[in-house]
Amino acid sequence: MTGPPARDALDHCRRITRREAANFYYGIRLLPRAKRDALCAIYAFARRADDIGDGTMATDAKLAALEQARAAINGMLADSDDLVIAALADIERRFPLPRDGFLDLIEGVRMDVLGVHYEHFEELVVYCRRVAGSIGRLCLAVFGSDEAAAPALADDLGVALQLTNILRDVREDALAGRVYLPAEDLRRFGWPDGARGHGAADAISAVRADAPGSLVQLVHFEAARNREWFERGSRLVALLDGRSGACVLAMSGIYRDLLERIDRRPVAILEGRASLPVAVKARVAVRSLLAHR
């Protein structure tokens, strides 16, 4: 069966990205059309994988859906009836997308589905590299760089973004029975043993009421480490062309501003998902474009 025209497939991915990529789209808009389309296609697939992991299906059904996604990537064809896969196949003809980036992402989401917990920070980094460093490497294939250091820096920047996501989503994840912060960190700052697994929401409420100081100390500690990853990953910008560098500055700048907002008021992460106003995101994007010019 003949698949959809590439234009229709790419339009579909653009709509998904505009609707769902609340932070990333500010950076994506700074790219020329071909690169913008490529990042929209990559994002659309990442959104699909995340939706599987965060959805309401039973575990077996989620694992089966991830295997279907893996098979779709391995058998990627431009005439696929799947609009996202068709878009990726079209993009792959113009950019050297590393397919292992998509497969790493699927494996990271699989860790979510299986409910993997992290005793040590090094274990959390493995997860972050799979779900976010993978996206950094895929984006780098679109940006383009001949520098040998670029892939590792793109991976590190992805880890930095994911660490910010983890802080931002502490309450939301806890309500879903997920706690990503390493157990060694929680113990270090006096969080109760119940702050892991399905009792996490109650435990976090207890921390807010009875030990707010431990929350502040924990957030300051995690934010300081997060900044180190941003500092390292941000070296990628100097290895990119102007508009690609501006895109990276905008996307990472929004997350760095979000991290600083969380660090200034740690209790906010227990009240709901922290976010930046639209005007602030727009200013970061404009500032990034001007700075890299």
C-alpha atoms as a PDB file:
ATOM      1  CA  MET A   1       0.000   0.000   0.000  1.00  0.00           C
ATOM      2  CA  THR A   2       1.307   3.415  -0.935  1.00  0.00           C
ATOM      3  CA  GLY A   3       1.908   5.645   2.051  1.00  0.00           C
ATOM      4  CA  PRO A   4       1.092   9.321   2.490  1.00  0.00           C
ATOM      5  CA  PRO A   5       3.029  12.041   0.661  1.00  0.00           C
ATOM      6  CA  ALA A   6       6.039  13.281   2.639  1.00  0.00           C
ATOM      7  CA  ARG A   7       4.404  16.708   2.908  1.00  0.00           C
ATOM      8  CA  ASP A   8       1.387  15.279   4.739  1.00  0.00           C
ATOM      9  CA  ALA A   9       3.601  13.266   7.067  1.00  0.00           C
ATOM     10  CA  LEU A  10       5.746  16.276   7.932  1.00  0.00           C
ATOM     11  CA  ASP A  11       2.694  18.490   8.436  1.00  0.00           C
ATOM     12  CA  HIS A  12       1.376  15.912  10.905  1.00  0.00           C
ATOM     13  CA  CYS A  13       4.631  16.031  12.901  1.00  0.00           C
ATOM     14  CA  ARG A  14       4.657  19.830  12.872  1.00  0.00           C
ATOM     15  CA  ARG A  15       1.153  19.899  14.374  1.00  0.00           C
ATOM     16  CA  ILE A  16       2.162  17.477  17.131  1.00  0.00           C
ATOM     17  CA  THR A  17       5.243  19.557  17.960  1.00  0.00           C
ATOM     18  CA  ARG A  18       3.409  22.883  18.036  1.00  0.00           C
ATOM     19  CA  ARG A  19       0.729  21.386  20.286  1.00  0.00           C
ATOM     20  CA  GLU A  20       2.891  19.354  22.660  1.00  0.00           C
ATOM     21  CA  ALA A  21       6.435  20.766  22.727  1.00  0.00           C
ATOM     22  CA  ALA A  22       5.771  23.622  25.127  1.00  0.00           C
ATOM     23  CA  ASN A  23       9.474  24.346  25.699  1.00  0.00           C
ATOM     24  CA  PHE A  24      11.317  22.881  22.726  1.00  0.00           C
ATOM     25  CA  TYR A  25       9.274  24.586  20.030  1.00  0.00           C
ATOM     26  CA  TYR A  26      10.723  27.983  20.918  1.00  0.00           C
ATOM     27  CA  GLY A  27      14.135  26.725  19.854  1.00  0.00           C
ATOM     28  CA  ILE A  28      12.928  24.645  16.905  1.00  0.00           C
ATOM     29  CA  ARG A  29      11.352  27.738  15.333  1.00  0.00           C
ATOM     30  CA  LEU A  30      14.806  29.328  14.986  1.00  0.00           C
ATOM     31  CA  LEU A  31      15.967  26.679  12.498  1.00  0.00           C
ATOM     32  CA  PRO A  32      15.711  26.735   8.702  1.00  0.00           C
ATOM     33  CA  ARG A  33      12.754  24.778   7.306  1.00  0.00           C
ATOM     34  CA  ALA A  34      14.516  21.471   6.568  1.00  0.00           C
ATOM     35  CA  LYS A  35      16.073  21.217  10.019  1.00  0.00           C
ATOM     36  CA  ARG A  36      12.871  22.388  11.684  1.00  0.00           C
ATOM     37  CA  ASP A  37      10.927  19.641   9.925  1.00  0.00           C
ATOM     38  CA  ALA A  38      13.522  17.070  10.968  1.00  0.00           C
ATOM     39  CA  LEU A  39      13.326  18.002  14.649  1.00  0.00           C
ATOM     40  CA  CYS A  40       9.525  17.969  14.507  1.00  0.00           C
ATOM     41  CA  ALA A  41       9.609  14.408  13.158  1.00  0.00           C
ATOM     42  CA  ILE A  42      12.052  13.338  15.881  1.00  0.00           C
ATOM     43  CA  TYR A  43       9.898  15.001  18.538  1.00  0.00           C
ATOM     44  CA  ALA A  44       6.720  13.358  17.228  1.00  0.00           C
ATOM     45  CA  PHE A  45       8.247   9.910  17.658  1.00  0.00           C
ATOM     46  CA  ALA A  46       9.595  10.788  21.110  1.00  0.00           C
ATOM     47  CA  ARG A  47       6.131  12.025  22.092  1.00  0.00           C
ATOM     48  CA  ARG A  48       4.643   8.717  20.962  1.00  0.00           C
ATOM     49  CA  ALA A  49       7.110   6.738  23.054  1.00  0.00           C
ATOM     50  CA  ASP A  50       6.501   8.927  26.114  1.00  0.00           C
ATOM     51  CA  ASP A  51       2.737   8.594  25.731  1.00  0.00           C
ATOM     52  CA  ILE A  52       3.088   4.817  25.768  1.00  0.00           C
ATOM     53  CA  GLY A  53       5.107   4.978  28.982  1.00  0.00           C
ATOM     54  CA  ASP A  54       2.772   7.461  30.677  1.00  0.00           C
ATOM     55  CA  GLY A  55      -0.492   6.007  29.415  1.00  0.00           C
ATOM     56  CA  THR A  56      -3.120   3.915  31.161  1.00  0.00           C
ATOM     57  CA  MET A  57      -2.568   0.608  29.377  1.00  0.00           C
ATOM     58  CA  ALA A  58      -1.567  -2.478  31.343  1.00  0.00           C
ATOM     59  CA  THR A  59       2.151  -3.176  31.592  1.00  0.00           C
ATOM     60  CA  ASP A  60       2.069  -6.010  29.056  1.00  0.00           C
ATOM     61  CA  ALA A  61       0.241  -3.822  26.553  1.00  0.00           C
ATOM     62  CA  LYS A  62       2.775  -1.011  27.018  1.00  0.00           C
ATOM     63  CA  LEU A  63       5.694  -3.371  26.486  1.00  0.00           C
ATOM     64  CA  ALA A  64       4.015  -4.729  23.350  1.00  0.00           C
ATOM     65  CA  ALA A  65       3.478  -1.183  22.043  1.00  0.00           C
ATOM     66  CA  LEU A  66       7.144  -0.362  22.626  1.00  0.00           C
ATOM     67  CA  GLU A  67       8.155  -3.475  20.689  1.00  0.00           C
ATOM     68  CA  GLN A  68       5.927  -2.322  17.843  1.00  0.00           C
ATOM     69  CA  ALA A  69       7.671   1.059  17.935  1.00  0.00           C
ATOM     70  CA  ARG A  70      11.054  -0.684  17.869  1.00  0.00           C
ATOM     71  CA  ALA A  71       9.993  -2.764  14.848  1.00  0.00           C
ATOM     72  CA  ALA A  72       8.746   0.366  13.073  1.00  0.00           C
ATOM     73  CA  ILE A  73      12.134   2.052  13.505  1.00  0.00           C
ATOM     74  CA  ASN A  74      14.061  -1.019  12.382  1.00  0.00           C
ATOM     75  CA  GLY A  75      11.841  -1.348   9.316  1.00  0.00           C
ATOM     76  CA  MET A  76      11.466   2.386   8.612  1.00  0.00           C
ATOM     77  CA  LEU A  77      10.001   2.976   5.138  1.00  0.00           C
ATOM     78  CA  ALA A  78       8.980   6.196   3.416  1.00  0.00           C
ATOM     79  CA  ASP A  79       5.741   4.623   2.127  1.00  0.00           C
ATOM     80  CA  SER A  80       4.588   3.598   5.614  1.00  0.00           C
ATOM     81  CA  ASP A  81       0.958   4.345   6.422  1.00  0.00           C
ATOM     82  CA  ASP A  82       2.215   5.566   9.804  1.00  0.00           C
ATOM     83  CA  LEU A  83       2.629   9.332   9.341  1.00  0.00           C
ATOM     84  CA  VAL A  84       5.388   9.689  11.947  1.00  0.00           C
ATOM     85  CA  ILE A  85       7.423   6.796  10.545  1.00  0.00           C
ATOM     86  CA  ALA A  86       6.927   8.079   6.990  1.00  0.00           C
ATOM     87  CA  ALA A  87       8.183  11.508   8.086  1.00  0.00           C
ATOM     88  CA  LEU A  88      11.246  10.014   9.766  1.00  0.00           C
ATOM     89  CA  ALA A  89      12.041   7.937   6.683  1.00  0.00           C
ATOM     90  CA  ASP A  90      11.875  11.077   4.558  1.00  0.00           C
ATOM     91  CA  ILE A  91      14.115  12.960   6.984  1.00  0.00           C
ATOM     92  CA  GLU A  92      16.566  10.055   7.081  1.00  0.00           C
ATOM     93  CA  ARG A  93      17.258  10.578   3.376  1.00  0.00           C
ATOM     94  CA  ARG A  94      18.595  14.064   4.135  1.00  0.00           C
ATOM     95  CA  PHE A  95      20.158  13.686   7.565  1.00  0.00           C
ATOM     96  CA  PRO A  96      22.246  10.811   8.999  1.00  0.00           C
ATOM     97  CA  LEU A  97      19.874   9.947  11.841  1.00  0.00           C
ATOM     98  CA  PRO A  98      21.441   7.355  14.169  1.00  0.00           C
ATOM     99  CA  ARG A  99      18.719   4.736  14.542  1.00  0.00           C
ATOM    100  CA  ASP A 100      20.244   3.590  17.808  1.00  0.00           C
ATOM    101  CA  GLY A 101      19.098   6.931  19.237  1.00  0.00           C
ATOM    102  CA  PHE A 102      15.462   5.912  18.722  1.00  0.00           C
ATOM    103  CA  LEU A 103      16.155   2.443  20.100  1.00  0.00           C
ATOM    104  CA  ASP A 104      17.844   3.907  23.201  1.00  0.00           C
ATOM    105  CA  LEU A 105      14.785   6.100  23.760  1.00  0.00           C
ATOM    106  CA  ILE A 106      12.498   3.070  23.565  1.00  0.00           C
ATOM    107  CA  GLU A 107      14.687   1.224  26.064  1.00  0.00           C
ATOM    108  CA  GLY A 108      14.524   4.200  28.450  1.00  0.00           C
ATOM    109  CA  VAL A 109      10.720   4.263  28.274  1.00  0.00           C
ATOM    110  CA  ARG A 110      10.768   0.520  28.870  1.00  0.00           C
ATOM    111  CA  MET A 111      12.611   1.220  32.139  1.00  0.00           C
ATOM    112  CA  ASP A 112       9.717   3.516  33.099  1.00  0.00           C
ATOM    113  CA  VAL A 113       7.154   0.840  32.296  1.00  0.00           C
ATOM    114  CA  LEU A 114       9.027  -1.723  34.379  1.00  0.00           C
ATOM    115  CA  GLY A 115       9.198   0.718  37.317  1.00  0.00           C
ATOM    116  CA  VAL A 116      12.974   0.838  37.615  1.00  0.00           C
ATOM    117  CA  HIS A 117      14.212   2.716  40.708  1.00  0.00           C
ATOM    118  CA  TYR A 118      17.641   4.268  41.120  1.00  0.00           C
ATOM    119  CA  GLU A 119      19.803   3.697  44.153  1.00  0.00           C
ATOM    120  CA  HIS A 120      22.734   5.786  42.932  1.00  0.00           C
ATOM    121  CA  PHE A 121      23.045   8.835  40.699  1.00  0.00           C
ATOM    122  CA  GLU A 122      25.158   6.902  38.187  1.00  0.00           C
ATOM    123  CA  GLU A 123      22.193   4.579  37.604  1.00  0.00           C
ATOM    124  CA  LEU A 124      19.926   7.567  36.997  1.00  0.00           C
ATOM    125  CA  VAL A 125      22.399   8.916  34.436  1.00  0.00           C
ATOM    126  CA  VAL A 126      22.016   5.703  32.415  1.00  0.00           C
ATOM    127  CA  TYR A 127      18.266   6.314  32.266  1.00  0.00           C
ATOM    128  CA  CYS A 128      18.729   9.992  31.361  1.00  0.00           C
ATOM    129  CA  ARG A 129      21.124   9.125  28.546  1.00  0.00           C
ATOM    130  CA  ARG A 130      18.552   6.743  27.112  1.00  0.00           C
ATOM    131  CA  VAL A 131      15.492   8.986  27.218  1.00  0.00           C
ATOM    132  CA  ALA A 132      17.172  12.360  26.622  1.00  0.00           C
ATOM    133  CA  GLY A 133      20.810  11.941  25.613  1.00  0.00           C
ATOM    134  CA  SER A 134      19.453   9.877  22.727  1.00  0.00           C
ATOM    135  CA  ILE A 135      17.405  12.869  21.568  1.00  0.00           C
ATOM    136  CA  GLY A 136      20.487  15.071  21.850  1.00  0.00           C
ATOM    137  CA  ARG A 137      22.393  12.750  19.514  1.00  0.00           C
ATOM    138  CA  LEU A 138      19.505  12.619  17.053  1.00  0.00           C
ATOM    139  CA  CYS A 139      19.259  16.410  17.031  1.00  0.00           C
ATOM    140  CA  LEU A 140      23.016  16.678  16.488  1.00  0.00           C
ATOM    141  CA  ALA A 141      22.648  14.597  13.319  1.00  0.00           C
ATOM    142  CA  VAL A 142      20.284  17.312  12.068  1.00  0.00           C
ATOM    143  CA  PHE A 143      22.360  20.266  13.276  1.00  0.00           C
ATOM    144  CA  GLY A 144      25.549  18.836  11.805  1.00  0.00           C
ATOM    145  CA  SER A 145      29.056  18.987  13.260  1.00  0.00           C
ATOM    146  CA  ASP A 146      32.353  17.371  12.309  1.00  0.00           C
ATOM    147  CA  GLU A 147      33.809  17.849  15.777  1.00  0.00           C
ATOM    148  CA  ALA A 148      34.681  14.589  17.529  1.00  0.00           C
ATOM    149  CA  ALA A 149      33.513  15.962  20.897  1.00  0.00           C
ATOM    150  CA  ALA A 150      30.033  16.916  19.674  1.00  0.00           C
ATOM    151  CA  PRO A 151      28.134  13.618  20.233  1.00  0.00           C
ATOM    152  CA  ALA A 152      29.238  13.304  23.862  1.00  0.00           C
ATOM    153  CA  LEU A 153      28.339  16.949  24.532  1.00  0.00           C
ATOM    154  CA  ALA A 154      24.914  16.529  22.916  1.00  0.00           C
ATOM    155  CA  ASP A 155      24.365  13.501  25.128  1.00  0.00           C
ATOM    156  CA  ASP A 156      25.434  15.433  28.237  1.00  0.00           C
ATOM    157  CA  LEU A 157      23.111  18.312  27.415  1.00  0.00           C
ATOM    158  CA  GLY A 158      20.247  15.839  27.073  1.00  0.00           C
ATOM    159  CA  VAL A 159      21.051  14.528  30.555  1.00  0.00           C
ATOM    160  CA  ALA A 160      20.975  18.115  31.889  1.00  0.00           C
ATOM    161  CA  LEU A 161      17.510  18.712  30.420  1.00  0.00           C
ATOM    162  CA  GLN A 162      16.188  15.437  31.812  1.00  0.00           C
ATOM    163  CA  LEU A 163      17.531  16.153  35.300  1.00  0.00           C
ATOM    164  CA  THR A 164      15.578  19.429  35.218  1.00  0.00           C
ATOM    165  CA  ASN A 165      12.473  17.537  34.109  1.00  0.00           C
ATOM    166  CA  ILE A 166      12.871  15.180  37.047  1.00  0.00           C
ATOM    167  CA  LEU A 167      12.973  18.052  39.544  1.00  0.00           C
ATOM    168  CA  ARG A 168      10.086  19.822  37.856  1.00  0.00           C
ATOM    169  CA  ASP A 169       7.869  16.718  37.893  1.00  0.00           C
ATOM    170  CA  VAL A 170       8.541  15.396  41.416  1.00  0.00           C
ATOM    171  CA  ARG A 171       4.918  15.701  42.534  1.00  0.00           C
ATOM    172  CA  GLU A 172       3.361  14.494  39.270  1.00  0.00           C
ATOM    173  CA  ASP A 173       5.661  11.482  39.132  1.00  0.00           C
ATOM    174  CA  ALA A 174       5.061  10.668  42.805  1.00  0.00           C
ATOM    175  CA  LEU A 175       1.321  10.582  42.243  1.00  0.00           C
ATOM    176  CA  ALA A 176       1.993   8.015  39.515  1.00  0.00           C
ATOM    177  CA  GLY A 177       4.138   5.959  41.903  1.00  0.00           C
ATOM    178  CA  ARG A 178       7.435   7.026  40.353  1.00  0.00           C
ATOM    179  CA  VAL A 179      10.416   8.587  42.077  1.00  0.00           C
ATOM    180  CA  TYR A 180      13.469   9.210  39.940  1.00  0.00           C
ATOM    181  CA  LEU A 181      15.691  10.952  42.480  1.00  0.00           C
ATOM    182  CA  PRO A 182      18.362   8.515  43.689  1.00  0.00           C
ATOM    183  CA  ALA A 183      17.619   6.746  46.960  1.00  0.00           C
ATOM    184  CA  GLU A 184      21.027   7.742  48.297  1.00  0.00           C
ATOM    185  CA  ASP A 185      20.080  11.405  47.868  1.00  0.00           C
ATOM    186  CA  LEU A 186      16.733  10.989  49.583  1.00  0.00           C
ATOM    187  CA  ARG A 187      18.384   9.305  52.563  1.00  0.00           C
ATOM    188  CA  ARG A 188      21.103  11.930  52.723  1.00  0.00           C
ATOM    189  CA  PHE A 189      18.536  14.677  53.212  1.00  0.00           C
ATOM    190  CA  GLY A 190      16.237  12.803  55.566  1.00  0.00           C
ATOM    191  CA  TRP A 191      13.335  11.863  53.328  1.00  0.00           C
ATOM    192  CA  PRO A 192      11.317   8.926  54.696  1.00  0.00           C
ATOM    193  CA  ASP A 193      11.664   5.447  53.260  1.00  0.00           C
ATOM    194  CA  GLY A 194       8.138   5.749  51.956  1.00  0.00           C
ATOM    195  CA  ALA A 195       9.273   8.360  49.442  1.00  0.00           C
ATOM    196  CA  ARG A 196       9.700   5.558  46.934  1.00  0.00           C
ATOM    197  CA  GLY A 197       7.131   3.462  45.106  1.00  0.00           C
ATOM    198  CA  HIS A 198       3.386   3.749  45.477  1.00  0.00           C
ATOM    199  CA  GLY A 199       3.574   5.436  48.889  1.00  0.00           C
ATOM    200  CA  ALA A 200       5.577   8.287  47.430  1.00  0.00           C
ATOM    201  CA  ALA A 201       2.767  10.838  47.285  1.00  0.00           C
ATOM    202  CA  ASP A 202       1.927  10.470  50.988  1.00  0.00           C
ATOM    203  CA  ALA A 203       5.585  10.572  51.941  1.00  0.00           C
ATOM    204  CA  ILE A 204       6.189  13.728  49.942  1.00  0.00           C
ATOM    205  CA  SER A 205       3.193  15.369  51.597  1.00  0.00           C
ATOM    206  CA  ALA A 206       4.688  14.465  54.974  1.00  0.00           C
ATOM    207  CA  VAL A 207       8.003  16.034  53.992  1.00  0.00           C
ATOM    208  CA  ARG A 208       6.240  19.230  52.989  1.00  0.00           C
ATOM    209  CA  ALA A 209       4.394  19.433  56.289  1.00  0.00           C
ATOM    210  CA  ASP A 210       6.993  18.135  58.746  1.00  0.00           C
ATOM    211  CA  ALA A 211      10.435  18.656  57.244  1.00  0.00           C
ATOM    212  CA  PRO A 212      10.464  21.479  54.683  1.00  0.00           C
ATOM    213  CA  GLY A 213      14.149  22.086  55.407  1.00  0.00           C
ATOM    214  CA  SER A 214      15.056  18.693  53.996  1.00  0.00           C
ATOM    215  CA  LEU A 215      13.240  19.564  50.777  1.00  0.00           C
ATOM    216  CA  VAL A 216      15.167  22.820  50.395  1.00  0.00           C
ATOM    217  CA  GLN A 217      18.495  21.103  50.982  1.00  0.00           C
ATOM    218  CA  LEU A 218      17.660  18.323  48.545  1.00  0.00           C
ATOM    219  CA  VAL A 219      16.612  20.713  45.774  1.00  0.00           C
ATOM    220  CA  HIS A 220      19.700  22.893  46.238  1.00  0.00           C
ATOM    221  CA  PHE A 221      21.897  19.792  46.014  1.00  0.00           C
ATOM    222  CA  GLU A 222      20.196  18.451  42.879  1.00  0.00           C
ATOM    223  CA  ALA A 223      20.163  21.885  41.215  1.00  0.00           C
ATOM    224  CA  ALA A 224      23.894  22.383  41.797  1.00  0.00           C
ATOM    225  CA  ARG A 225      24.671  19.045  40.165  1.00  0.00           C
ATOM    226  CA  ASN A 226      22.251  19.813  37.338  1.00  0.00           C
ATOM    227  CA  ARG A 227      24.136  23.056  36.602  1.00  0.00           C
ATOM    228  CA  GLU A 228      27.355  21.106  36.158  1.00  0.00           C
ATOM    229  CA  TRP A 229      25.728  19.049  33.417  1.00  0.00           C
ATOM    230  CA  PHE A 230      24.426  22.203  31.736  1.00  0.00           C
ATOM    231  CA  GLU A 231      27.884  23.782  31.850  1.00  0.00           C
ATOM    232  CA  ARG A 232      29.437  20.748  30.226  1.00  0.00           C
ATOM    233  CA  GLY A 233      26.722  20.146  27.640  1.00  0.00           C
ATOM    234  CA  SER A 234      26.509  23.810  26.642  1.00  0.00           C
ATOM    235  CA  ARG A 235      29.974  23.566  25.111  1.00  0.00           C
ATOM    236  CA  LEU A 236      28.172  21.990  22.178  1.00  0.00           C
ATOM    237  CA  VAL A 237      26.908  25.399  21.034  1.00  0.00           C
ATOM    238  CA  ALA A 238      30.370  26.536  19.926  1.00  0.00           C
ATOM    239  CA  LEU A 239      30.599  23.504  17.616  1.00  0.00           C
ATOM    240  CA  LEU A 240      27.408  24.315  15.658  1.00  0.00           C
ATOM    241  CA  ASP A 241      26.397  26.731  12.912  1.00  0.00           C
ATOM    242  CA  GLY A 242      24.676  29.947  13.966  1.00  0.00           C
ATOM    243  CA  ARG A 243      21.005  28.983  13.781  1.00  0.00           C
ATOM    244  CA  SER A 244      21.561  25.498  15.179  1.00  0.00           C
ATOM    245  CA  GLY A 245      23.521  27.014  18.049  1.00  0.00           C
ATOM    246  CA  ALA A 246      20.726  29.514  18.656  1.00  0.00           C
ATOM    247  CA  CYS A 247      18.225  26.652  18.757  1.00  0.00           C
ATOM    248  CA  VAL A 248      20.271  24.831  21.388  1.00  0.00           C
ATOM    249  CA  LEU A 249      20.728  28.026  23.405  1.00  0.00           C
ATOM    250  CA  ALA A 250      16.981  28.663  23.364  1.00  0.00           C
ATOM    251  CA  MET A 251      15.983  25.142  24.394  1.00  0.00           C
ATOM    252  CA  SER A 252      18.635  24.820  27.084  1.00  0.00           C
ATOM    253  CA  GLY A 253      18.122  28.435  28.203  1.00  0.00           C
ATOM    254  CA  ILE A 254      14.450  27.830  28.942  1.00  0.00           C
ATOM    255  CA  TYR A 255      15.339  24.798  31.032  1.00  0.00           C
ATOM    256  CA  ARG A 256      18.135  26.607  32.853  1.00  0.00           C
ATOM    257  CA  ASP A 257      15.739  29.435  33.731  1.00  0.00           C
ATOM    258  CA  LEU A 258      13.250  26.826  34.944  1.00  0.00           C
ATOM    259  CA  LEU A 259      15.938  25.190  37.078  1.00  0.00           C
ATOM    260  CA  GLU A 260      16.795  28.540  38.699  1.00  0.00           C
ATOM    261  CA  ARG A 261      13.115  29.177  39.410  1.00  0.00           C
ATOM    262  CA  ILE A 262      12.849  25.796  41.148  1.00  0.00           C
ATOM    263  CA  ASP A 263      16.045  26.394  43.115  1.00  0.00           C
ATOM    264  CA  ARG A 264      14.772  29.782  44.345  1.00  0.00           C
ATOM    265  CA  ARG A 265      11.517  28.259  45.623  1.00  0.00           C
ATOM    266  CA  PRO A 266      11.946  24.512  46.182  1.00  0.00           C
ATOM    267  CA  VAL A 267       8.521  24.005  47.774  1.00  0.00           C
ATOM    268  CA  ALA A 268       6.946  24.780  44.376  1.00  0.00           C
ATOM    269  CA  ILE A 269       7.773  21.299  43.115  1.00  0.00           C
ATOM    270  CA  LEU A 270       5.340  19.858  45.669  1.00  0.00           C
ATOM    271  CA  GLU A 271       2.568  22.198  44.581  1.00  0.00           C
ATOM    272  CA  GLY A 272       2.498  21.261  40.904  1.00  0.00           C
ATOM    273  CA  ARG A 273       4.559  21.290  37.736  1.00  0.00           C
ATOM    274  CA  ALA A 274       6.782  24.375  37.647  1.00  0.00           C
ATOM    275  CA  SER A 275       6.773  26.326  34.390  1.00  0.00           C
ATOM    276  CA  LEU A 276       7.853  29.605  32.843  1.00  0.00           C
ATOM    277  CA  PRO A 277       5.437  32.206  31.453  1.00  0.00           C
ATOM    278  CA  VAL A 278       5.148  32.303  27.655  1.00  0.00           C
ATOM    279  CA  ALA A 279       6.664  35.796  27.551  1.00  0.00           C
ATOM    280  CA  VAL A 280       9.762  34.587  29.386  1.00  0.00           C
ATOM    281  CA  LYS A 281      10.213  31.681  26.970  1.00  0.00           C
ATOM    282  CA  ALA A 282       9.888  34.037  24.013  1.00  0.00           C
ATOM    283  CA  ARG A 283      12.499  36.383  25.480  1.00  0.00           C
ATOM    284  CA  VAL A 284      14.895  33.479  25.966  1.00  0.00           C
ATOM    285  CA  ALA A 285      14.445  32.478  22.302  1.00  0.00           C
ATOM    286  CA  VAL A 286      15.058  36.012  21.026  1.00  0.00           C
ATOM    287  CA  ARG A 287      18.043  36.449  23.348  1.00  0.00           C
ATOM    288  CA  SER A 288      19.500  33.178  22.111  1.00  0.00           C
ATOM    289  CA  LEU A 289      19.181  34.153  18.471  1.00  0.00           C
ATOM    290  CA  LEU A 290      20.786  37.542  19.032  1.00  0.00           C
ATOM    291  CA  ALA A 291      23.538  36.130  21.226  1.00  0.00           C
ATOM    292  CA  HIS A 292      24.632  33.525  18.704  1.00  0.00           C
ATOM    293  CA  ARG A 293      24.592  35.996  15.859  1.00  0.00           C
END
